[in-house]
Amino acid sequence: MASDKSFVEFIVDQIENVGQITYKKMFGEYALYCEGKVVALVCDNRLFIKPTEAGRAFIGDVAEAPAYPGAKPSFLIDDRLEDRQWFSKLIRITHQELPEQKIKKKKI
């Protein structure tokens, strides 16, 4: 089941004061970006945050599940999506801990 664009837009609208948040449709699902870094996936209308140690410490009792078959477990967030302050802080923490994107060299 593919995710609804309206659900993704709701998720993006919940995030405040963390920088530019964008999303991209990929294979019927969505990747969420914060300042160019993938911080989360939306699959089957469920939100999966990339796991980080700081995110784990912030969440506490974290639920983990793969976003799709064969994927590594991510933090499954379903009960605090409407808590803008908490959710925005989680995105900020995740973004800060993730490494910078590697710049791909063009093949000549």
PDB file of N, CA and C in Angstrom:
ATOM      1  N   MET A   1       0.842  -1.180   0.000  1.00  0.00           N
ATOM      2  CA  MET A   1       0.000   0.000   0.000  1.00  0.00           C
ATOM      3  C   MET A   1       0.889   1.246   0.000  1.00  0.00           C
ATOM      4  N   ALA A   2       0.703   2.099  -0.934  1.00  0.00           N
ATOM      5  CA  ALA A   2       1.489   3.329  -1.025  1.00  0.00           C
ATOM      6  C   ALA A   2       0.976   4.361  -0.022  1.00  0.00           C
ATOM      7  N   SER A   3       1.856   5.226   0.388  1.00  0.00           N
ATOM      8  CA  SER A   3       1.490   6.279   1.332  1.00  0.00           C
ATOM      9  C   SER A   3       0.721   7.391   0.632  1.00  0.00           C
ATOM     10  N   ASP A   4      -0.155   8.038   1.400  1.00  0.00           N
ATOM     11  CA  ASP A   4      -0.937   9.161   0.877  1.00  0.00           C
ATOM     12  C   ASP A   4      -0.122  10.438   0.962  1.00  0.00           C
ATOM     13  N   LYS A   5      -0.140  11.223  -0.093  1.00  0.00           N
ATOM     14  CA  LYS A   5       0.576  12.493  -0.090  1.00  0.00           C
ATOM     15  C   LYS A   5       0.058  13.399   1.029  1.00  0.00           C
ATOM     16  N   SER A   6      -1.223  13.339   1.320  1.00  0.00           N
ATOM     17  CA  SER A   6      -1.798  14.180   2.372  1.00  0.00           C
ATOM     18  C   SER A   6      -1.206  13.830   3.739  1.00  0.00           C
ATOM     19  N   PHE A   7      -0.900  12.555   3.985  1.00  0.00           N
ATOM     20  CA  PHE A   7      -0.269  12.153   5.239  1.00  0.00           C
ATOM     21  C   PHE A   7       1.146  12.718   5.320  1.00  0.00           C
ATOM     22  N   VAL A   8       1.868  12.645   4.218  1.00  0.00           N
ATOM     23  CA  VAL A   8       3.226  13.180   4.173  1.00  0.00           C
ATOM     24  C   VAL A   8       3.203  14.688   4.409  1.00  0.00           C
ATOM     25  N   GLU A   9       2.276  15.387   3.795  1.00  0.00           N
ATOM     26  CA  GLU A   9       2.164  16.835   3.987  1.00  0.00           C
ATOM     27  C   GLU A   9       1.820  17.163   5.443  1.00  0.00           C
ATOM     28  N   PHE A  10       0.986  16.350   6.075  1.00  0.00           N
ATOM     29  CA  PHE A  10       0.676  16.537   7.493  1.00  0.00           C
ATOM     30  C   PHE A  10       1.951  16.421   8.328  1.00  0.00           C
ATOM     31  N   ILE A  11       2.760  15.401   8.047  1.00  0.00           N
ATOM     32  CA  ILE A  11       4.013  15.185   8.775  1.00  0.00           C
ATOM     33  C   ILE A  11       4.916  16.413   8.619  1.00  0.00           C
ATOM     34  N   VAL A  12       5.087  16.873   7.395  1.00  0.00           N
ATOM     35  CA  VAL A  12       5.959  18.019   7.119  1.00  0.00           C
ATOM     36  C   VAL A  12       5.440  19.262   7.841  1.00  0.00           C
ATOM     37  N   ASP A  13       4.123  19.455   7.865  1.00  0.00           N
ATOM     38  CA  ASP A  13       3.529  20.617   8.537  1.00  0.00           C
ATOM     39  C   ASP A  13       3.750  20.594  10.048  1.00  0.00           C
ATOM     40  N   GLN A  14       3.971  19.430  10.609  1.00  0.00           N
ATOM     41  CA  GLN A  14       4.184  19.313  12.052  1.00  0.00           C
ATOM     42  C   GLN A  14       5.584  19.754  12.474  1.00  0.00           C
ATOM     43  N   ILE A  15       6.518  19.794  11.543  1.00  0.00           N
ATOM     44  CA  ILE A  15       7.916  20.081  11.857  1.00  0.00           C
ATOM     45  C   ILE A  15       8.157  21.588  11.780  1.00  0.00           C
ATOM     46  N   GLU A  16       8.673  22.146  12.896  1.00  0.00           N
ATOM     47  CA  GLU A  16       8.895  23.584  12.973  1.00  0.00           C
ATOM     48  C   GLU A  16      10.335  23.902  13.368  1.00  0.00           C
ATOM     49  N   ASN A  17      10.873  24.969  12.788  1.00  0.00           N
ATOM     50  CA  ASN A  17      12.149  25.550  13.200  1.00  0.00           C
ATOM     51  C   ASN A  17      13.334  24.585  13.188  1.00  0.00           C
ATOM     52  N   VAL A  18      13.423  23.761  12.163  1.00  0.00           N
ATOM     53  CA  VAL A  18      14.568  22.852  12.054  1.00  0.00           C
ATOM     54  C   VAL A  18      15.304  23.007  10.732  1.00  0.00           C
ATOM     55  N   GLY A  19      14.933  23.963   9.940  1.00  0.00           N
ATOM     56  CA  GLY A  19      15.539  24.128   8.629  1.00  0.00           C
ATOM     57  C   GLY A  19      14.573  23.704   7.540  1.00  0.00           C
ATOM     58  N   GLN A  20      15.078  23.624   6.346  1.00  0.00           N
ATOM     59  CA  GLN A  20      14.237  23.289   5.198  1.00  0.00           C
ATOM     60  C   GLN A  20      13.874  21.809   5.215  1.00  0.00           C
ATOM     61  N   ILE A  21      12.574  21.537   5.222  1.00  0.00           N
ATOM     62  CA  ILE A  21      12.058  20.169   5.175  1.00  0.00           C
ATOM     63  C   ILE A  21      11.432  19.955   3.801  1.00  0.00           C
ATOM     64  N   THR A  22      11.883  18.925   3.125  1.00  0.00           N
ATOM     65  CA  THR A  22      11.327  18.571   1.822  1.00  0.00           C
ATOM     66  C   THR A  22      11.033  17.081   1.806  1.00  0.00           C
ATOM     67  N   TYR A  23      10.331  16.652   0.782  1.00  0.00           N
ATOM     68  CA  TYR A  23      10.066  15.223   0.622  1.00  0.00           C
ATOM     69  C   TYR A  23      10.118  14.868  -0.844  1.00  0.00           C
ATOM     70  N   LYS A  24      10.381  13.598  -1.090  1.00  0.00           N
ATOM     71  CA  LYS A  24      10.491  13.099  -2.456  1.00  0.00           C
ATOM     72  C   LYS A  24       9.810  11.744  -2.532  1.00  0.00           C
ATOM     73  N   LYS A  25       8.985  11.569  -3.531  1.00  0.00           N
ATOM     74  CA  LYS A  25       8.302  10.299  -3.726  1.00  0.00           C
ATOM     75  C   LYS A  25       9.276   9.305  -4.346  1.00  0.00           C
ATOM     76  N   MET A  26       9.303   8.109  -3.747  1.00  0.00           N
ATOM     77  CA  MET A  26      10.200   7.065  -4.236  1.00  0.00           C
ATOM     78  C   MET A  26       9.473   5.723  -4.155  1.00  0.00           C
ATOM     79  N   PHE A  27       9.196   5.130  -5.277  1.00  0.00           N
ATOM     80  CA  PHE A  27       8.567   3.809  -5.338  1.00  0.00           C
ATOM     81  C   PHE A  27       7.228   3.763  -4.602  1.00  0.00           C
ATOM     82  N   GLY A  28       6.449   4.813  -4.675  1.00  0.00           N
ATOM     83  CA  GLY A  28       5.141   4.861  -4.030  1.00  0.00           C
ATOM     84  C   GLY A  28       5.208   5.285  -2.577  1.00  0.00           C
ATOM     85  N   GLU A  29       6.392   5.436  -2.045  1.00  0.00           N
ATOM     86  CA  GLU A  29       6.585   5.867  -0.665  1.00  0.00           C
ATOM     87  C   GLU A  29       7.365   7.184  -0.693  1.00  0.00           C
ATOM     88  N   TYR A  30       7.743   7.707   0.472  1.00  0.00           N
ATOM     89  CA  TYR A  30       8.369   9.021   0.530  1.00  0.00           C
ATOM     90  C   TYR A  30       9.592   9.029   1.436  1.00  0.00           C
ATOM     91  N   ALA A  31      10.570   9.832   1.030  1.00  0.00           N
ATOM     92  CA  ALA A  31      11.724  10.129   1.880  1.00  0.00           C
ATOM     93  C   ALA A  31      11.575  11.573   2.335  1.00  0.00           C
ATOM     94  N   LEU A  32      11.825  11.828   3.628  1.00  0.00           N
ATOM     95  CA  LEU A  32      11.790  13.187   4.174  1.00  0.00           C
ATOM     96  C   LEU A  32      13.219  13.665   4.365  1.00  0.00           C
ATOM     97  N   TYR A  33      13.482  14.879   3.939  1.00  0.00           N
ATOM     98  CA  TYR A  33      14.809  15.476   4.014  1.00  0.00           C
ATOM     99  C   TYR A  33      14.785  16.697   4.924  1.00  0.00           C
ATOM    100  N   CYS A  34      15.825  16.840   5.709  1.00  0.00           N
ATOM    101  CA  CYS A  34      16.043  18.056   6.486  1.00  0.00           C
ATOM    102  C   CYS A  34      17.377  18.612   6.021  1.00  0.00           C
ATOM    103  N   GLU A  35      17.340  19.780   5.413  1.00  0.00           N
ATOM    104  CA  GLU A  35      18.566  20.410   4.893  1.00  0.00           C
ATOM    105  C   GLU A  35      19.359  19.450   4.007  1.00  0.00           C
ATOM    106  N   GLY A  36      18.659  18.674   3.200  1.00  0.00           N
ATOM    107  CA  GLY A  36      19.311  17.781   2.249  1.00  0.00           C
ATOM    108  C   GLY A  36      19.657  16.397   2.760  1.00  0.00           C
ATOM    109  N   LYS A  37      19.515  16.157   4.062  1.00  0.00           N
ATOM    110  CA  LYS A  37      19.795  14.831   4.628  1.00  0.00           C
ATOM    111  C   LYS A  37      18.495  14.059   4.785  1.00  0.00           C
ATOM    112  N   VAL A  38      18.491  12.794   4.401  1.00  0.00           N
ATOM    113  CA  VAL A  38      17.319  11.950   4.625  1.00  0.00           C
ATOM    114  C   VAL A  38      17.241  11.656   6.127  1.00  0.00           C
ATOM    115  N   VAL A  39      16.150  12.107   6.755  1.00  0.00           N
ATOM    116  CA  VAL A  39      15.974  11.895   8.189  1.00  0.00           C
ATOM    117  C   VAL A  39      14.877  10.881   8.496  1.00  0.00           C
ATOM    118  N   ALA A  40      14.015  10.622   7.490  1.00  0.00           N
ATOM    119  CA  ALA A  40      12.893   9.724   7.750  1.00  0.00           C
ATOM    120  C   ALA A  40      12.329   9.177   6.450  1.00  0.00           C
ATOM    121  N   LEU A  41      11.582   8.091   6.586  1.00  0.00           N
ATOM    122  CA  LEU A  41      10.823   7.517   5.477  1.00  0.00           C
ATOM    123  C   LEU A  41       9.365   7.422   5.905  1.00  0.00           C
ATOM    124  N   VAL A  42       8.480   7.612   4.950  1.00  0.00           N
ATOM    125  CA  VAL A  42       7.052   7.373   5.178  1.00  0.00           C
ATOM    126  C   VAL A  42       6.679   6.213   4.270  1.00  0.00           C
ATOM    127  N   CYS A  43       6.313   5.098   4.890  1.00  0.00           N
ATOM    128  CA  CYS A  43       5.940   3.890   4.157  1.00  0.00           C
ATOM    129  C   CYS A  43       4.628   3.362   4.720  1.00  0.00           C
ATOM    130  N   ASP A  44       3.683   3.081   3.855  1.00  0.00           N
ATOM    131  CA  ASP A  44       2.366   2.597   4.278  1.00  0.00           C
ATOM    132  C   ASP A  44       1.739   3.524   5.315  1.00  0.00           C
ATOM    133  N   ASN A  45       1.892   4.818   5.112  1.00  0.00           N
ATOM    134  CA  ASN A  45       1.364   5.841   6.024  1.00  0.00           C
ATOM    135  C   ASN A  45       1.846   5.662   7.457  1.00  0.00           C
ATOM    136  N   ARG A  46       3.100   5.230   7.589  1.00  0.00           N
ATOM    137  CA  ARG A  46       3.750   5.133   8.895  1.00  0.00           C
ATOM    138  C   ARG A  46       5.086   5.856   8.790  1.00  0.00           C
ATOM    139  N   LEU A  47       5.501   6.500   9.884  1.00  0.00           N
ATOM    140  CA  LEU A  47       6.720   7.285   9.891  1.00  0.00           C
ATOM    141  C   LEU A  47       7.863   6.521  10.535  1.00  0.00           C
ATOM    142  N   PHE A  48       8.962   6.434   9.811  1.00  0.00           N
ATOM    143  CA  PHE A  48      10.168   5.748  10.264  1.00  0.00           C
ATOM    144  C   PHE A  48      11.314   6.752  10.287  1.00  0.00           C
ATOM    145  N   ILE A  49      11.836   7.045  11.482  1.00  0.00           N
ATOM    146  CA  ILE A  49      12.940   7.986  11.647  1.00  0.00           C
ATOM    147  C   ILE A  49      14.256   7.212  11.603  1.00  0.00           C
ATOM    148  N   LYS A  50      15.254   7.774  10.907  1.00  0.00           N
ATOM    149  CA  LYS A  50      16.563   7.122  10.873  1.00  0.00           C
ATOM    150  C   LYS A  50      17.095   7.005  12.298  1.00  0.00           C
ATOM    151  N   PRO A  51      17.584   5.838  12.652  1.00  0.00           N
ATOM    152  CA  PRO A  51      18.053   5.648  14.029  1.00  0.00           C
ATOM    153  C   PRO A  51      19.386   6.335  14.301  1.00  0.00           C
ATOM    154  N   THR A  52      19.456   7.007  15.436  1.00  0.00           N
ATOM    155  CA  THR A  52      20.686   7.612  15.932  1.00  0.00           C
ATOM    156  C   THR A  52      20.731   7.382  17.444  1.00  0.00           C
ATOM    157  N   GLU A  53      21.915   7.429  18.010  1.00  0.00           N
ATOM    158  CA  GLU A  53      22.037   7.249  19.463  1.00  0.00           C
ATOM    159  C   GLU A  53      21.347   8.389  20.204  1.00  0.00           C
ATOM    160  N   ALA A  54      21.511   9.618  19.720  1.00  0.00           N
ATOM    161  CA  ALA A  54      20.878  10.761  20.374  1.00  0.00           C
ATOM    162  C   ALA A  54      19.349  10.673  20.262  1.00  0.00           C
ATOM    163  N   GLY A  55      18.855  10.206  19.131  1.00  0.00           N
ATOM    164  CA  GLY A  55      17.417  10.021  18.960  1.00  0.00           C
ATOM    165  C   GLY A  55      16.882   8.964  19.903  1.00  0.00           C
ATOM    166  N   ARG A  56      17.619   7.883  20.053  1.00  0.00           N
ATOM    167  CA  ARG A  56      17.221   6.806  20.967  1.00  0.00           C
ATOM    168  C   ARG A  56      17.148   7.331  22.410  1.00  0.00           C
ATOM    169  N   ALA A  57      18.144   8.117  22.804  1.00  0.00           N
ATOM    170  CA  ALA A  57      18.163   8.678  24.160  1.00  0.00           C
ATOM    171  C   ALA A  57      16.991   9.643  24.358  1.00  0.00           C
ATOM    172  N   PHE A  58      16.673  10.424  23.341  1.00  0.00           N
ATOM    173  CA  PHE A  58      15.571  11.382  23.432  1.00  0.00           C
ATOM    174  C   PHE A  58      14.222  10.678  23.535  1.00  0.00           C
ATOM    175  N   ILE A  59      14.016   9.651  22.713  1.00  0.00           N
ATOM    176  CA  ILE A  59      12.726   8.947  22.696  1.00  0.00           C
ATOM    177  C   ILE A  59      12.547   8.109  23.954  1.00  0.00           C
ATOM    178  N   GLY A  60      13.604   7.452  24.369  1.00  0.00           N
ATOM    179  CA  GLY A  60      13.498   6.568  25.531  1.00  0.00           C
ATOM    180  C   GLY A  60      13.077   5.180  25.091  1.00  0.00           C
ATOM    181  N   ASP A  61      11.871   4.779  25.418  1.00  0.00           N
ATOM    182  CA  ASP A  61      11.345   3.463  25.053  1.00  0.00           C
ATOM    183  C   ASP A  61      10.904   3.505  23.596  1.00  0.00           C
ATOM    184  N   VAL A  62      11.829   3.196  22.707  1.00  0.00           N
ATOM    185  CA  VAL A  62      11.587   3.356  21.271  1.00  0.00           C
ATOM    186  C   VAL A  62      11.085   2.064  20.635  1.00  0.00           C
ATOM    187  N   ALA A  63      10.112   2.217  19.752  1.00  0.00           N
ATOM    188  CA  ALA A  63       9.635   1.089  18.943  1.00  0.00           C
ATOM    189  C   ALA A  63      10.445   1.092  17.651  1.00  0.00           C
ATOM    190  N   GLU A  64      10.933  -0.074  17.260  1.00  0.00           N
ATOM    191  CA  GLU A  64      11.711  -0.172  16.028  1.00  0.00           C
ATOM    192  C   GLU A  64      11.080  -1.182  15.088  1.00  0.00           C
ATOM    193  N   ALA A  65      11.150  -0.866  13.801  1.00  0.00           N
ATOM    194  CA  ALA A  65      10.613  -1.751  12.774  1.00  0.00           C
ATOM    195  C   ALA A  65      11.253  -1.367  11.439  1.00  0.00           C
ATOM    196  N   PRO A  66      11.345  -2.309  10.506  1.00  0.00           N
ATOM    197  CA  PRO A  66      11.854  -1.958   9.184  1.00  0.00           C
ATOM    198  C   PRO A  66      10.778  -1.194   8.397  1.00  0.00           C
ATOM    199  N   ALA A  67      11.198  -0.202   7.637  1.00  0.00           N
ATOM    200  CA  ALA A  67      10.260   0.596   6.850  1.00  0.00           C
ATOM    201  C   ALA A  67       9.663  -0.211   5.693  1.00  0.00           C
ATOM    202  N   TYR A  68      10.408  -1.191   5.218  1.00  0.00           N
ATOM    203  CA  TYR A  68       9.963  -2.045   4.117  1.00  0.00           C
ATOM    204  C   TYR A  68      10.710  -3.371   4.252  1.00  0.00           C
ATOM    205  N   PRO A  69      10.240  -4.420   3.607  1.00  0.00           N
ATOM    206  CA  PRO A  69      10.909  -5.723   3.737  1.00  0.00           C
ATOM    207  C   PRO A  69      12.382  -5.645   3.337  1.00  0.00           C
ATOM    208  N   GLY A  70      13.231  -6.145   4.204  1.00  0.00           N
ATOM    209  CA  GLY A  70      14.661  -6.158   3.941  1.00  0.00           C
ATOM    210  C   GLY A  70      15.403  -4.936   4.452  1.00  0.00           C
ATOM    211  N   ALA A  71      14.677  -3.932   4.941  1.00  0.00           N
ATOM    212  CA  ALA A  71      15.319  -2.717   5.451  1.00  0.00           C
ATOM    213  C   ALA A  71      15.806  -2.924   6.881  1.00  0.00           C
ATOM    214  N   LYS A  72      16.798  -2.128   7.266  1.00  0.00           N
ATOM    215  CA  LYS A  72      17.257  -2.138   8.652  1.00  0.00           C
ATOM    216  C   LYS A  72      16.167  -1.480   9.511  1.00  0.00           C
ATOM    217  N   PRO A  73      16.076  -1.851  10.776  1.00  0.00           N
ATOM    218  CA  PRO A  73      15.072  -1.226  11.647  1.00  0.00           C
ATOM    219  C   PRO A  73      15.290   0.278  11.809  1.00  0.00           C
ATOM    220  N   SER A  74      14.194   0.998  11.847  1.00  0.00           N
ATOM    221  CA  SER A  74      14.176   2.434  12.094  1.00  0.00           C
ATOM    222  C   SER A  74      13.268   2.694  13.286  1.00  0.00           C
ATOM    223  N   PHE A  75      13.271   3.929  13.781  1.00  0.00           N
ATOM    224  CA  PHE A  75      12.384   4.290  14.875  1.00  0.00           C
ATOM    225  C   PHE A  75      10.983   4.512  14.312  1.00  0.00           C
ATOM    226  N   LEU A  76      10.029   3.738  14.762  1.00  0.00           N
ATOM    227  CA  LEU A  76       8.645   3.871  14.310  1.00  0.00           C
ATOM    228  C   LEU A  76       7.942   4.855  15.233  1.00  0.00           C
ATOM    229  N   ILE A  77       7.489   5.958  14.661  1.00  0.00           N
ATOM    230  CA  ILE A  77       6.824   7.010  15.431  1.00  0.00           C
ATOM    231  C   ILE A  77       5.359   7.051  15.006  1.00  0.00           C
ATOM    232  N   ASP A  78       4.480   6.788  15.956  1.00  0.00           N
ATOM    233  CA  ASP A  78       3.060   6.843  15.588  1.00  0.00           C
ATOM    234  C   ASP A  78       2.195   7.543  16.626  1.00  0.00           C
ATOM    235  N   ASP A  79       2.665   7.633  17.865  1.00  0.00           N
ATOM    236  CA  ASP A  79       1.812   8.170  18.908  1.00  0.00           C
ATOM    237  C   ASP A  79       2.100   9.623  19.281  1.00  0.00           C
ATOM    238  N   ARG A  80       3.132  10.241  18.696  1.00  0.00           N
ATOM    239  CA  ARG A  80       3.482  11.620  19.075  1.00  0.00           C
ATOM    240  C   ARG A  80       3.567  12.549  17.874  1.00  0.00           C
ATOM    241  N   LEU A  81       2.958  12.175  16.772  1.00  0.00           N
ATOM    242  CA  LEU A  81       3.043  12.990  15.560  1.00  0.00           C
ATOM    243  C   LEU A  81       2.381  14.352  15.712  1.00  0.00           C
ATOM    244  N   GLU A  82       1.412  14.472  16.589  1.00  0.00           N
ATOM    245  CA  GLU A  82       0.712  15.743  16.760  1.00  0.00           C
ATOM    246  C   GLU A  82       1.377  16.639  17.805  1.00  0.00           C
ATOM    247  N   ASP A  83       2.401  16.145  18.460  1.00  0.00           N
ATOM    248  CA  ASP A  83       3.154  16.930  19.434  1.00  0.00           C
ATOM    249  C   ASP A  83       4.288  17.634  18.674  1.00  0.00           C
ATOM    250  N   ARG A  84       3.984  18.801  18.108  1.00  0.00           N
ATOM    251  CA  ARG A  84       4.928  19.504  17.239  1.00  0.00           C
ATOM    252  C   ARG A  84       6.278  19.759  17.892  1.00  0.00           C
ATOM    253  N   GLN A  85       6.258  20.200  19.124  1.00  0.00           N
ATOM    254  CA  GLN A  85       7.507  20.542  19.804  1.00  0.00           C
ATOM    255  C   GLN A  85       8.392  19.305  19.957  1.00  0.00           C
ATOM    256  N   TRP A  86       7.820  18.209  20.452  1.00  0.00           N
ATOM    257  CA  TRP A  86       8.577  16.968  20.639  1.00  0.00           C
ATOM    258  C   TRP A  86       9.066  16.426  19.303  1.00  0.00           C
ATOM    259  N   PHE A  87       8.170  16.372  18.328  1.00  0.00           N
ATOM    260  CA  PHE A  87       8.492  15.822  17.016  1.00  0.00           C
ATOM    261  C   PHE A  87       9.567  16.654  16.314  1.00  0.00           C
ATOM    262  N   SER A  88       9.445  17.968  16.378  1.00  0.00           N
ATOM    263  CA  SER A  88      10.442  18.851  15.761  1.00  0.00           C
ATOM    264  C   SER A  88      11.807  18.662  16.411  1.00  0.00           C
ATOM    265  N   LYS A  89      11.824  18.498  17.725  1.00  0.00           N
ATOM    266  CA  LYS A  89      13.096  18.282  18.421  1.00  0.00           C
ATOM    267  C   LYS A  89      13.731  16.962  17.985  1.00  0.00           C
ATOM    268  N   LEU A  90      12.928  15.924  17.809  1.00  0.00           N
ATOM    269  CA  LEU A  90      13.448  14.641  17.334  1.00  0.00           C
ATOM    270  C   LEU A  90      14.071  14.788  15.941  1.00  0.00           C
ATOM    271  N   ILE A  91      13.423  15.509  15.056  1.00  0.00           N
ATOM    272  CA  ILE A  91      13.966  15.725  13.707  1.00  0.00           C
ATOM    273  C   ILE A  91      15.277  16.507  13.798  1.00  0.00           C
ATOM    274  N   ARG A  92      15.332  17.535  14.639  1.00  0.00           N
ATOM    275  CA  ARG A  92      16.544  18.340  14.817  1.00  0.00           C
ATOM    276  C   ARG A  92      17.692  17.471  15.335  1.00  0.00           C
ATOM    277  N   ILE A  93      17.417  16.658  16.341  1.00  0.00           N
ATOM    278  CA  ILE A  93      18.429  15.765  16.923  1.00  0.00           C
ATOM    279  C   ILE A  93      18.935  14.781  15.872  1.00  0.00           C
ATOM    280  N   THR A  94      18.022  14.201  15.128  1.00  0.00           N
ATOM    281  CA  THR A  94      18.384  13.225  14.094  1.00  0.00           C
ATOM    282  C   THR A  94      19.257  13.882  13.033  1.00  0.00           C
ATOM    283  N   HIS A  95      18.837  15.035  12.555  1.00  0.00           N
ATOM    284  CA  HIS A  95      19.594  15.756  11.526  1.00  0.00           C
ATOM    285  C   HIS A  95      21.004  16.071  11.995  1.00  0.00           C
ATOM    286  N   GLN A  96      21.136  16.527  13.232  1.00  0.00           N
ATOM    287  CA  GLN A  96      22.448  16.908  13.754  1.00  0.00           C
ATOM    288  C   GLN A  96      23.401  15.717  13.863  1.00  0.00           C
ATOM    289  N   GLU A  97      22.877  14.560  14.157  1.00  0.00           N
ATOM    290  CA  GLU A  97      23.752  13.399  14.352  1.00  0.00           C
ATOM    291  C   GLU A  97      24.090  12.668  13.054  1.00  0.00           C
ATOM    292  N   LEU A  98      23.271  12.811  12.044  1.00  0.00           N
ATOM    293  CA  LEU A  98      23.549  12.126  10.777  1.00  0.00           C
ATOM    294  C   LEU A  98      24.741  12.771  10.073  1.00  0.00           C
ATOM    295  N   PRO A  99      25.554  11.961   9.400  1.00  0.00           N
ATOM    296  CA  PRO A  99      26.715  12.521   8.694  1.00  0.00           C
ATOM    297  C   PRO A  99      26.279  13.367   7.497  1.00  0.00           C
ATOM    298  N   GLU A 100      27.167  14.257   7.104  1.00  0.00           N
ATOM    299  CA  GLU A 100      26.915  15.068   5.913  1.00  0.00           C
ATOM    300  C   GLU A 100      26.860  14.152   4.695  1.00  0.00           C
ATOM    301  N   GLN A 101      26.084  14.592   3.699  1.00  0.00           N
ATOM    302  CA  GLN A 101      25.980  13.793   2.481  1.00  0.00           C
ATOM    303  C   GLN A 101      27.306  13.809   1.740  1.00  0.00           C
ATOM    304  N   LYS A 102      27.638  12.674   1.184  1.00  0.00           N
ATOM    305  CA  LYS A 102      28.840  12.576   0.364  1.00  0.00           C
ATOM    306  C   LYS A 102      28.530  13.168  -0.995  1.00  0.00           C
ATOM    307  N   ILE A 103      29.440  13.971  -1.501  1.00  0.00           N
ATOM    308  CA  ILE A 103      29.264  14.563  -2.817  1.00  0.00           C
ATOM    309  C   ILE A 103      29.732  13.547  -3.850  1.00  0.00           C
ATOM    310  N   LYS A 104      28.824  13.214  -4.748  1.00  0.00           N
ATOM    311  CA  LYS A 104      29.158  12.231  -5.778  1.00  0.00           C
ATOM    312  C   LYS A 104      29.959  12.901  -6.897  1.00  0.00           C
ATOM    313  N   LYS A 105      31.021  12.248  -7.277  1.00  0.00           N
ATOM    314  CA  LYS A 105      31.831  12.748  -8.370  1.00  0.00           C
ATOM    315  C   LYS A 105      31.219  12.314  -9.690  1.00  0.00           C
ATOM    316  N   LYS A 106      31.228  13.216 -10.635  1.00  0.00           N
ATOM    317  CA  LYS A 106      30.708  12.882 -11.951  1.00  0.00           C
ATOM    318  C   LYS A 106      31.704  12.030 -12.698  1.00  0.00           C
ATOM    319  N   LYS A 107      31.166  11.032 -13.377  1.00  0.00           N
ATOM    320  CA  LYS A 107      32.035  10.163 -14.187  1.00  0.00           C
ATOM    321  C   LYS A 107      32.356  10.883 -15.482  1.00  0.00           C
ATOM    322  N   ILE A 108      33.584  10.753 -15.875  1.00  0.00           N
ATOM    323  CA  ILE A 108      34.035  11.424 -17.122  1.00  0.00           C
ATOM    324  C   ILE A 108      34.074  10.430 -18.235  1.00  0.00           C
TER     325      ILE A 108
END
